[in-house]
Protein backbone atom coordinates (compact mmCIF):
# COMPACT_ATOMS: atom_id res chain seq x y z
CA UNK A 1 -20.87 15.73 -48.55
CA UNK A 2 -22.34 14.01 -45.55
CA UNK A 3 -20.01 14.42 -42.59
CA UNK A 4 -20.19 12.10 -39.61
CA UNK A 5 -18.90 13.56 -36.37
CA UNK A 6 -18.40 11.29 -33.41
CA UNK A 7 -17.91 12.20 -29.78
CA UNK A 8 -18.76 10.99 -26.30
CA UNK A 9 -20.90 14.10 -26.00
CA UNK A 10 -22.82 14.35 -29.27
CA UNK A 11 -24.80 17.37 -28.09
CA UNK A 12 -22.00 19.68 -29.23
CA UNK A 13 -21.96 18.10 -32.70
CA UNK A 14 -25.77 18.29 -32.89
CA UNK A 15 -25.59 21.98 -31.94
CA UNK A 16 -23.11 22.63 -34.76
CA UNK A 17 -25.42 20.80 -37.19
CA UNK A 18 -28.23 23.16 -36.19
CA UNK A 19 -26.26 26.36 -36.78
CA UNK A 20 -27.69 28.63 -39.45
CA UNK A 21 -24.55 28.35 -41.58
CA UNK A 22 -25.04 24.59 -41.95
CA UNK A 23 -28.84 24.52 -42.20
CA UNK A 24 -28.78 25.84 -45.75
CA UNK A 25 -25.65 23.98 -46.84
CA UNK A 26 -26.01 21.26 -49.48
CA UNK A 27 -24.43 18.55 -47.29
CA UNK A 28 -25.27 17.48 -43.77
CA UNK A 29 -23.62 16.74 -40.46
CA UNK A 30 -24.59 13.51 -38.71
CA UNK A 31 -23.74 13.10 -35.03
CA UNK A 32 -22.94 9.64 -33.65
CA UNK A 33 -22.17 8.98 -30.00
CA UNK A 34 -18.91 7.10 -29.58
CA UNK A 35 -16.39 6.74 -26.79
CA UNK A 36 -13.16 6.08 -28.68
CA UNK A 37 -11.64 4.30 -25.69
CA UNK A 38 -14.15 1.47 -26.23
CA UNK A 39 -13.61 -0.76 -29.26
CA UNK A 40 -17.22 -1.97 -29.15
CA UNK A 41 -18.47 1.61 -29.54
CA UNK A 42 -16.13 2.22 -32.47
CA UNK A 43 -17.41 -0.92 -34.21
CA UNK A 44 -21.01 0.15 -33.50
CA UNK A 45 -20.27 3.58 -34.94
CA UNK A 46 -19.05 2.06 -38.20
CA UNK A 47 -22.12 -0.20 -38.32
CA UNK A 48 -24.28 2.90 -37.94
CA UNK A 49 -22.34 4.63 -40.74
CA UNK A 50 -23.00 1.57 -42.94
CA UNK A 51 -26.72 1.70 -42.15
CA UNK A 52 -27.35 5.46 -42.25
CA UNK A 53 -24.81 6.82 -44.75
CA UNK A 54 -24.03 3.66 -46.66
CA UNK A 55 -20.44 4.44 -47.58
CA UNK A 56 -17.25 6.16 -46.50
CA UNK A 57 -14.94 8.09 -48.81
CA UNK A 58 -12.79 10.05 -46.34
CA UNK A 59 -11.83 9.24 -42.77
CA UNK A 60 -10.20 11.94 -40.69
CA UNK A 61 -8.76 10.62 -37.44
CA UNK A 62 -8.66 13.81 -35.42
CA UNK A 63 -9.23 12.60 -31.87
CA UNK A 64 -6.43 13.09 -29.42
CA UNK A 65 -5.93 13.68 -25.74
CA UNK A 66 -2.94 14.75 -23.76
CA UNK A 67 -2.36 15.92 -20.25
CA UNK A 68 0.39 16.11 -17.68
CA UNK A 69 1.65 12.53 -17.40
CA UNK A 70 5.43 12.52 -16.75
CA UNK A 71 7.21 9.32 -17.72
CA UNK A 72 8.73 8.92 -14.25
CA UNK A 73 5.67 9.76 -12.16
CA UNK A 74 2.62 9.52 -14.42
CA UNK A 75 0.05 6.86 -13.72
CA UNK A 76 -0.35 3.84 -15.95
CA UNK A 77 -4.07 4.63 -16.20
CA UNK A 78 -3.18 8.04 -17.67
CA UNK A 79 -0.77 6.37 -20.09
CA UNK A 80 -3.44 3.84 -21.15
CA UNK A 81 -6.03 6.56 -21.65
CA UNK A 82 -3.72 8.57 -23.91
CA UNK A 83 -2.65 5.44 -25.78
CA UNK A 84 -6.26 4.25 -26.22
CA UNK A 85 -7.39 7.49 -27.83
CA UNK A 86 -4.28 8.62 -29.69
CA UNK A 87 -3.16 5.24 -31.04
CA UNK A 88 -5.63 2.40 -30.56
CA UNK A 89 -8.74 4.35 -31.63
CA UNK A 90 -6.86 5.69 -34.66
CA UNK A 91 -5.85 2.13 -35.65
CA UNK A 92 -9.34 0.66 -35.14
CA UNK A 93 -11.05 3.54 -36.97
CA UNK A 94 -8.55 3.26 -39.83
CA UNK A 95 -9.03 -0.48 -40.09
CA UNK A 96 -12.81 -0.12 -40.13
CA UNK A 97 -12.72 2.77 -42.60
CA UNK A 98 -10.59 0.85 -45.09
CA UNK A 99 -12.80 -2.21 -44.63
CA UNK A 100 -15.94 -0.16 -45.39
CA UNK A 101 -14.29 1.48 -48.39
CA UNK A 102 -13.31 -1.92 -49.77
CA UNK A 103 -16.80 -3.35 -49.12
CA UNK A 104 -18.29 -0.53 -51.20
CA UNK A 105 -15.68 -0.72 -53.95
CA UNK A 106 -14.21 2.69 -53.11
CA UNK A 107 -10.60 2.54 -54.26
CA UNK A 108 -9.96 6.28 -54.30
CA UNK A 109 -10.78 7.06 -50.67
CA UNK A 110 -8.60 8.94 -48.28
CA UNK A 111 -7.43 8.36 -44.70
CA UNK A 112 -6.10 11.42 -42.89
CA UNK A 113 -4.37 11.12 -39.52
CA UNK A 114 -4.06 14.32 -37.55
CA UNK A 115 -0.85 14.29 -35.55
CA UNK A 116 0.95 17.18 -33.87
CA UNK A 117 4.12 19.21 -34.18
CA UNK A 118 5.32 17.26 -31.12
CA UNK A 119 5.16 14.16 -33.27
CA UNK A 120 8.14 15.65 -35.11
CA UNK A 121 10.11 17.35 -32.35
CA UNK A 122 10.02 17.06 -28.57
CA UNK A 123 9.08 20.26 -26.74
CA UNK A 124 11.32 21.97 -24.20
CA UNK A 125 10.96 21.34 -21.37
CA UNK A 126 7.70 19.40 -21.92
CA UNK A 127 8.42 17.10 -18.98
CA UNK A 128 4.79 16.02 -18.57
CA UNK A 129 4.14 15.61 -22.29
CA UNK A 130 6.69 13.03 -23.42
CA UNK A 131 4.24 10.11 -23.37
CA UNK A 132 1.79 12.16 -25.43
CA UNK A 133 4.64 13.03 -27.81
CA UNK A 134 5.45 9.35 -28.14
CA UNK A 135 1.92 8.59 -29.26
CA UNK A 136 2.13 11.34 -31.88
CA UNK A 137 5.44 9.96 -33.18
CA UNK A 138 3.64 6.64 -33.40
CA UNK A 139 0.86 8.20 -35.50
CA UNK A 140 3.51 9.17 -38.06
CA UNK A 141 4.95 5.65 -38.12
CA UNK A 142 1.49 4.07 -38.36
CA UNK A 143 0.58 6.37 -41.24
CA UNK A 144 3.64 5.34 -43.22
CA UNK A 145 3.03 1.68 -42.37
CA UNK A 146 -0.56 1.95 -43.59
CA UNK A 147 0.59 3.60 -46.80
CA UNK A 148 2.99 0.71 -47.44
CA UNK A 149 0.39 -1.96 -46.61
CA UNK A 150 -2.16 -0.39 -48.97
CA UNK A 151 0.47 -0.15 -51.69
CA UNK A 152 1.22 -3.88 -51.47
CA UNK A 153 -2.50 -4.61 -52.01
CA UNK A 154 -2.51 -2.33 -55.11
CA UNK A 155 -5.07 -0.09 -53.38
CA UNK A 156 -5.43 3.51 -54.49
CA UNK A 157 -6.68 4.65 -51.08
CA UNK A 158 -4.56 7.64 -50.14
CA UNK A 159 -3.05 8.17 -46.70
CA UNK A 160 -1.84 11.43 -45.20
CA UNK A 161 -0.77 12.91 -41.91
């Protein structure tokens, strides 16, 4: 399997690709620079996947950020940053992944959204994490919504969280 890893700092992914364990492996790890807070970079990343890999069978949306941002005193810029990575990037990547799968006639692909235990139950006290928790609850709802949308199109692309 060819695995594409994206990050703002691709040096870490490139270093993993160079580790002895992966050098002799049958697949490969491709590093692509992408800031998930920028839609244009996400679209460019998928264009690069089209050009270098040619297809996409599995998309794992694993990116997530969270930090102390209380609902009553957190800054809107912190809220936007968390929302951009945890929700918007997940939605854009999912949309582009399904689009690429459909372009290539892949009807048995898989979309995996990584959430968090706090997407199921709020922590105690967790006062600075409630906005983050809200985005992880949203990941669960978006996953189920995607599953239902794909079902209505008779797609066999699987969705999991």
